[in-house]
Amino acid sequence: MKRRLSDLKTEHRDLDDVIARLLEKAPFDQLQLQRLKKRKLMLKDEISRLESRLLPDIIA
């Protein structure tokens, strides 16, 4: 599970770079940008789920 988490974080960072490069180009594909951002958000959600499963519950 830790390996999967690491892979997801890497992909999330890579998408940041791709999105930044896409935005640097004057006319960019809005649909592609939306798809990349949606994928990035899905990765963030999956990372959060895995992190919450790996960390023990703390009783306040």
PDB file of N, CA and C in Angstrom:
ATOM      1  N   MET A   1       0.827  -1.182   0.000  1.00  0.00           N
ATOM      2  CA  MET A   1       0.000   0.000   0.000  1.00  0.00           C
ATOM      3  C   MET A   1       0.883   1.263   0.000  1.00  0.00           C
ATOM      4  N   LYS A   2       2.008   1.208   0.697  1.00  0.00           N
ATOM      5  CA  LYS A   2       2.908   2.363   0.727  1.00  0.00           C
ATOM      6  C   LYS A   2       3.495   2.631  -0.657  1.00  0.00           C
ATOM      7  N   ARG A   3       3.773   1.560  -1.384  1.00  0.00           N
ATOM      8  CA  ARG A   3       4.304   1.709  -2.747  1.00  0.00           C
ATOM      9  C   ARG A   3       3.272   2.389  -3.645  1.00  0.00           C
ATOM     10  N   ARG A   4       2.029   1.985  -3.527  1.00  0.00           N
ATOM     11  CA  ARG A   4       0.943   2.577  -4.313  1.00  0.00           C
ATOM     12  C   ARG A   4       0.809   4.069  -3.982  1.00  0.00           C
ATOM     13  N   LEU A   5       0.899   4.384  -2.703  1.00  0.00           N
ATOM     14  CA  LEU A   5       0.816   5.786  -2.265  1.00  0.00           C
ATOM     15  C   LEU A   5       1.946   6.609  -2.883  1.00  0.00           C
ATOM     16  N   SER A   6       3.134   6.061  -2.872  1.00  0.00           N
ATOM     17  CA  SER A   6       4.284   6.739  -3.458  1.00  0.00           C
ATOM     18  C   SER A   6       4.086   6.957  -4.960  1.00  0.00           C
ATOM     19  N   ASP A   7       3.575   5.956  -5.651  1.00  0.00           N
ATOM     20  CA  ASP A   7       3.315   6.070  -7.086  1.00  0.00           C
ATOM     21  C   ASP A   7       2.269   7.146  -7.373  1.00  0.00           C
ATOM     22  N   LEU A   8       1.224   7.200  -6.566  1.00  0.00           N
ATOM     23  CA  LEU A   8       0.177   8.203  -6.751  1.00  0.00           C
ATOM     24  C   LEU A   8       0.717   9.615  -6.540  1.00  0.00           C
ATOM     25  N   LYS A   9       1.551   9.787  -5.526  1.00  0.00           N
ATOM     26  CA  LYS A   9       2.128  11.100  -5.253  1.00  0.00           C
ATOM     27  C   LYS A   9       3.035  11.542  -6.402  1.00  0.00           C
ATOM     28  N   THR A  10       3.775  10.592  -6.956  1.00  0.00           N
ATOM     29  CA  THR A  10       4.636  10.905  -8.093  1.00  0.00           C
ATOM     30  C   THR A  10       3.811  11.326  -9.299  1.00  0.00           C
ATOM     31  N   GLU A  11       2.760  10.585  -9.578  1.00  0.00           N
ATOM     32  CA  GLU A  11       1.893  10.934 -10.698  1.00  0.00           C
ATOM     33  C   GLU A  11       1.240  12.304 -10.490  1.00  0.00           C
ATOM     34  N   HIS A  12       0.849  12.602  -9.261  1.00  0.00           N
ATOM     35  CA  HIS A  12       0.233  13.885  -8.922  1.00  0.00           C
ATOM     36  C   HIS A  12       1.208  15.030  -9.207  1.00  0.00           C
ATOM     37  N   ARG A  13       2.462  14.864  -8.786  1.00  0.00           N
ATOM     38  CA  ARG A  13       3.494  15.881  -9.047  1.00  0.00           C
ATOM     39  C   ARG A  13       3.745  16.033 -10.545  1.00  0.00           C
ATOM     40  N   ASP A  14       3.783  14.909 -11.253  1.00  0.00           N
ATOM     41  CA  ASP A  14       4.001  14.947 -12.698  1.00  0.00           C
ATOM     42  C   ASP A  14       2.872  15.706 -13.401  1.00  0.00           C
ATOM     43  N   LEU A  15       1.650  15.497 -12.945  1.00  0.00           N
ATOM     44  CA  LEU A  15       0.523  16.216 -13.532  1.00  0.00           C
ATOM     45  C   LEU A  15       0.641  17.719 -13.287  1.00  0.00           C
ATOM     46  N   ASP A  16       1.153  18.103 -12.135  1.00  0.00           N
ATOM     47  CA  ASP A  16       1.404  19.527 -11.863  1.00  0.00           C
ATOM     48  C   ASP A  16       2.305  20.115 -12.943  1.00  0.00           C
ATOM     49  N   ASP A  17       3.367  19.391 -13.263  1.00  0.00           N
ATOM     50  CA  ASP A  17       4.316  19.858 -14.274  1.00  0.00           C
ATOM     51  C   ASP A  17       3.663  19.936 -15.651  1.00  0.00           C
ATOM     52  N   VAL A  18       2.900  18.925 -16.008  1.00  0.00           N
ATOM     53  CA  VAL A  18       2.235  18.901 -17.312  1.00  0.00           C
ATOM     54  C   VAL A  18       1.251  20.063 -17.430  1.00  0.00           C
ATOM     55  N   ILE A  19       0.479  20.281 -16.375  1.00  0.00           N
ATOM     56  CA  ILE A  19      -0.501  21.375 -16.384  1.00  0.00           C
ATOM     57  C   ILE A  19       0.209  22.722 -16.500  1.00  0.00           C
ATOM     58  N   ALA A  20       1.302  22.901 -15.781  1.00  0.00           N
ATOM     59  CA  ALA A  20       2.049  24.164 -15.840  1.00  0.00           C
ATOM     60  C   ALA A  20       2.590  24.406 -17.248  1.00  0.00           C
ATOM     61  N   ARG A  21       3.135  23.361 -17.869  1.00  0.00           N
ATOM     62  CA  ARG A  21       3.658  23.513 -19.234  1.00  0.00           C
ATOM     63  C   ARG A  21       2.546  23.815 -20.220  1.00  0.00           C
ATOM     64  N   LEU A  22       1.400  23.181 -20.030  1.00  0.00           N
ATOM     65  CA  LEU A  22       0.265  23.410 -20.922  1.00  0.00           C
ATOM     66  C   LEU A  22      -0.204  24.864 -20.833  1.00  0.00           C
ATOM     67  N   LEU A  23      -0.225  25.409 -19.631  1.00  0.00           N
ATOM     68  CA  LEU A  23      -0.681  26.782 -19.430  1.00  0.00           C
ATOM     69  C   LEU A  23       0.296  27.812 -19.985  1.00  0.00           C
ATOM     70  N   GLU A  24       1.569  27.415 -20.148  1.00  0.00           N
ATOM     71  CA  GLU A  24       2.562  28.337 -20.693  1.00  0.00           C
ATOM     72  C   GLU A  24       2.328  28.603 -22.175  1.00  0.00           C
ATOM     73  N   LYS A  25       1.737  27.643 -22.855  1.00  0.00           N
ATOM     74  CA  LYS A  25       1.475  27.803 -24.279  1.00  0.00           C
ATOM     75  C   LYS A  25       0.251  28.696 -24.449  1.00  0.00           C
ATOM     76  N   ALA A  26       0.371  29.676 -25.323  1.00  0.00           N
ATOM     77  CA  ALA A  26      -0.702  30.669 -25.494  1.00  0.00           C
ATOM     78  C   ALA A  26      -2.068  30.037 -25.784  1.00  0.00           C
ATOM     79  N   PRO A  27      -2.289  29.469 -26.954  1.00  0.00           N
ATOM     80  CA  PRO A  27      -3.598  28.798 -27.125  1.00  0.00           C
ATOM     81  C   PRO A  27      -3.458  27.355 -26.651  1.00  0.00           C
ATOM     82  N   PHE A  28      -4.138  27.019 -25.569  1.00  0.00           N
ATOM     83  CA  PHE A  28      -4.052  25.644 -25.068  1.00  0.00           C
ATOM     84  C   PHE A  28      -5.414  24.986 -25.146  1.00  0.00           C
ATOM     85  N   ASP A  29      -5.388  23.680 -25.130  1.00  0.00           N
ATOM     86  CA  ASP A  29      -6.597  22.868 -25.251  1.00  0.00           C
ATOM     87  C   ASP A  29      -7.326  22.852 -23.905  1.00  0.00           C
ATOM     88  N   GLN A  30      -8.437  23.561 -23.833  1.00  0.00           N
ATOM     89  CA  GLN A  30      -9.196  23.669 -22.587  1.00  0.00           C
ATOM     90  C   GLN A  30      -9.707  22.310 -22.114  1.00  0.00           C
ATOM     91  N   LEU A  31     -10.137  21.475 -23.041  1.00  0.00           N
ATOM     92  CA  LEU A  31     -10.648  20.152 -22.693  1.00  0.00           C
ATOM     93  C   LEU A  31      -9.551  19.284 -22.090  1.00  0.00           C
ATOM     94  N   GLN A  32      -8.371  19.332 -22.680  1.00  0.00           N
ATOM     95  CA  GLN A  32      -7.246  18.568 -22.147  1.00  0.00           C
ATOM     96  C   GLN A  32      -6.898  19.054 -20.743  1.00  0.00           C
ATOM     97  N   LEU A  33      -6.902  20.372 -20.556  1.00  0.00           N
ATOM     98  CA  LEU A  33      -6.605  20.940 -19.245  1.00  0.00           C
ATOM     99  C   LEU A  33      -7.619  20.465 -18.202  1.00  0.00           C
ATOM    100  N   GLN A  34      -8.896  20.471 -18.550  1.00  0.00           N
ATOM    101  CA  GLN A  34      -9.935  20.005 -17.628  1.00  0.00           C
ATOM    102  C   GLN A  34      -9.737  18.538 -17.271  1.00  0.00           C
ATOM    103  N   ARG A  35      -9.395  17.726 -18.263  1.00  0.00           N
ATOM    104  CA  ARG A  35      -9.173  16.296 -17.999  1.00  0.00           C
ATOM    105  C   ARG A  35      -7.978  16.075 -17.077  1.00  0.00           C
ATOM    106  N   LEU A  36      -6.907  16.827 -17.308  1.00  0.00           N
ATOM    107  CA  LEU A  36      -5.729  16.693 -16.459  1.00  0.00           C
ATOM    108  C   LEU A  36      -6.037  17.110 -15.025  1.00  0.00           C
ATOM    109  N   LYS A  37      -6.766  18.219 -14.877  1.00  0.00           N
ATOM    110  CA  LYS A  37      -7.124  18.680 -13.533  1.00  0.00           C
ATOM    111  C   LYS A  37      -8.049  17.687 -12.837  1.00  0.00           C
ATOM    112  N   LYS A  38      -8.959  17.087 -13.575  1.00  0.00           N
ATOM    113  CA  LYS A  38      -9.860  16.092 -12.997  1.00  0.00           C
ATOM    114  C   LYS A  38      -9.080  14.864 -12.540  1.00  0.00           C
ATOM    115  N   ARG A  39      -8.120  14.430 -13.355  1.00  0.00           N
ATOM    116  CA  ARG A  39      -7.281  13.292 -12.984  1.00  0.00           C
ATOM    117  C   ARG A  39      -6.463  13.627 -11.736  1.00  0.00           C
ATOM    118  N   LYS A  40      -5.945  14.846 -11.688  1.00  0.00           N
ATOM    119  CA  LYS A  40      -5.153  15.277 -10.532  1.00  0.00           C
ATOM    120  C   LYS A  40      -6.002  15.266  -9.261  1.00  0.00           C
ATOM    121  N   LEU A  41      -7.234  15.729  -9.362  1.00  0.00           N
ATOM    122  CA  LEU A  41      -8.137  15.727  -8.211  1.00  0.00           C
ATOM    123  C   LEU A  41      -8.465  14.297  -7.767  1.00  0.00           C
ATOM    124  N   MET A  42      -8.680  13.407  -8.724  1.00  0.00           N
ATOM    125  CA  MET A  42      -8.949  12.003  -8.383  1.00  0.00           C
ATOM    126  C   MET A  42      -7.745  11.387  -7.681  1.00  0.00           C
ATOM    127  N   LEU A  43      -6.552  11.728  -8.130  1.00  0.00           N
ATOM    128  CA  LEU A  43      -5.340  11.232  -7.475  1.00  0.00           C
ATOM    129  C   LEU A  43      -5.244  11.758  -6.048  1.00  0.00           C
ATOM    130  N   LYS A  44      -5.552  13.032  -5.874  1.00  0.00           N
ATOM    131  CA  LYS A  44      -5.505  13.629  -4.534  1.00  0.00           C
ATOM    132  C   LYS A  44      -6.463  12.913  -3.586  1.00  0.00           C
ATOM    133  N   ASP A  45      -7.656  12.612  -4.079  1.00  0.00           N
ATOM    134  CA  ASP A  45      -8.634  11.894  -3.260  1.00  0.00           C
ATOM    135  C   ASP A  45      -8.135  10.496  -2.895  1.00  0.00           C
ATOM    136  N   GLU A  46      -7.554   9.817  -3.868  1.00  0.00           N
ATOM    137  CA  GLU A  46      -7.041   8.467  -3.618  1.00  0.00           C
ATOM    138  C   GLU A  46      -5.864   8.522  -2.641  1.00  0.00           C
ATOM    139  N   ILE A  47      -5.005   9.519  -2.775  1.00  0.00           N
ATOM    140  CA  ILE A  47      -3.880   9.687  -1.842  1.00  0.00           C
ATOM    141  C   ILE A  47      -4.416   9.898  -0.424  1.00  0.00           C
ATOM    142  N   SER A  48      -5.419  10.719  -0.284  1.00  0.00           N
ATOM    143  CA  SER A  48      -6.012  10.979   1.038  1.00  0.00           C
ATOM    144  C   SER A  48      -6.595   9.702   1.641  1.00  0.00           C
ATOM    145  N   ARG A  49      -7.284   8.932   0.816  1.00  0.00           N
ATOM    146  CA  ARG A  49      -7.863   7.668   1.315  1.00  0.00           C
ATOM    147  C   ARG A  49      -6.777   6.713   1.798  1.00  0.00           C
ATOM    148  N   LEU A  50      -5.727   6.574   1.004  1.00  0.00           N
ATOM    149  CA  LEU A  50      -4.643   5.663   1.388  1.00  0.00           C
ATOM    150  C   LEU A  50      -3.925   6.150   2.644  1.00  0.00           C
ATOM    151  N   GLU A  51      -3.682   7.456   2.720  1.00  0.00           N
ATOM    152  CA  GLU A  51      -3.009   7.993   3.905  1.00  0.00           C
ATOM    153  C   GLU A  51      -3.848   7.780   5.152  1.00  0.00           C
ATOM    154  N   SER A  52      -5.148   7.929   5.041  1.00  0.00           N
ATOM    155  CA  SER A  52      -6.000   7.736   6.213  1.00  0.00           C
ATOM    156  C   SER A  52      -6.040   6.262   6.623  1.00  0.00           C
ATOM    157  N   ARG A  53      -5.884   5.360   5.666  1.00  0.00           N
ATOM    158  CA  ARG A  53      -5.848   3.927   6.002  1.00  0.00           C
ATOM    159  C   ARG A  53      -4.516   3.536   6.632  1.00  0.00           C
ATOM    160  N   LEU A  54      -3.458   4.213   6.242  1.00  0.00           N
ATOM    161  CA  LEU A  54      -2.125   3.883   6.764  1.00  0.00           C
ATOM    162  C   LEU A  54      -1.868   4.479   8.146  1.00  0.00           C
ATOM    163  N   LEU A  55      -2.482   5.643   8.416  1.00  0.00           N
ATOM    164  CA  LEU A  55      -2.282   6.279   9.715  1.00  0.00           C
ATOM    165  C   LEU A  55      -3.293   5.742  10.720  1.00  0.00           C
ATOM    166  N   PRO A  56      -2.834   5.393  11.905  1.00  0.00           N
ATOM    167  CA  PRO A  56      -3.775   4.897  12.910  1.00  0.00           C
ATOM    168  C   PRO A  56      -4.716   6.006  13.375  1.00  0.00           C
ATOM    169  N   ASP A  57      -5.902   5.601  13.748  1.00  0.00           N
ATOM    170  CA  ASP A  57      -6.867   6.582  14.264  1.00  0.00           C
ATOM    171  C   ASP A  57      -6.363   7.129  15.600  1.00  0.00           C
ATOM    172  N   ILE A  58      -6.464   8.429  15.759  1.00  0.00           N
ATOM    173  CA  ILE A  58      -6.048   9.084  16.995  1.00  0.00           C
ATOM    174  C   ILE A  58      -7.294   9.555  17.718  1.00  0.00           C
ATOM    175  N   ILE A  59      -7.465   9.092  18.919  1.00  0.00           N
ATOM    176  CA  ILE A  59      -8.613   9.501  19.711  1.00  0.00           C
ATOM    177  C   ILE A  59      -8.267  10.801  20.420  1.00  0.00           C
ATOM    178  N   ALA A  60      -9.037  11.829  20.171  1.00  0.00           N
ATOM    179  CA  ALA A  60      -8.760  13.147  20.762  1.00  0.00           C
ATOM    180  C   ALA A  60      -9.236  13.213  22.189  1.00  0.00           C
TER     181      ALA A  60
END
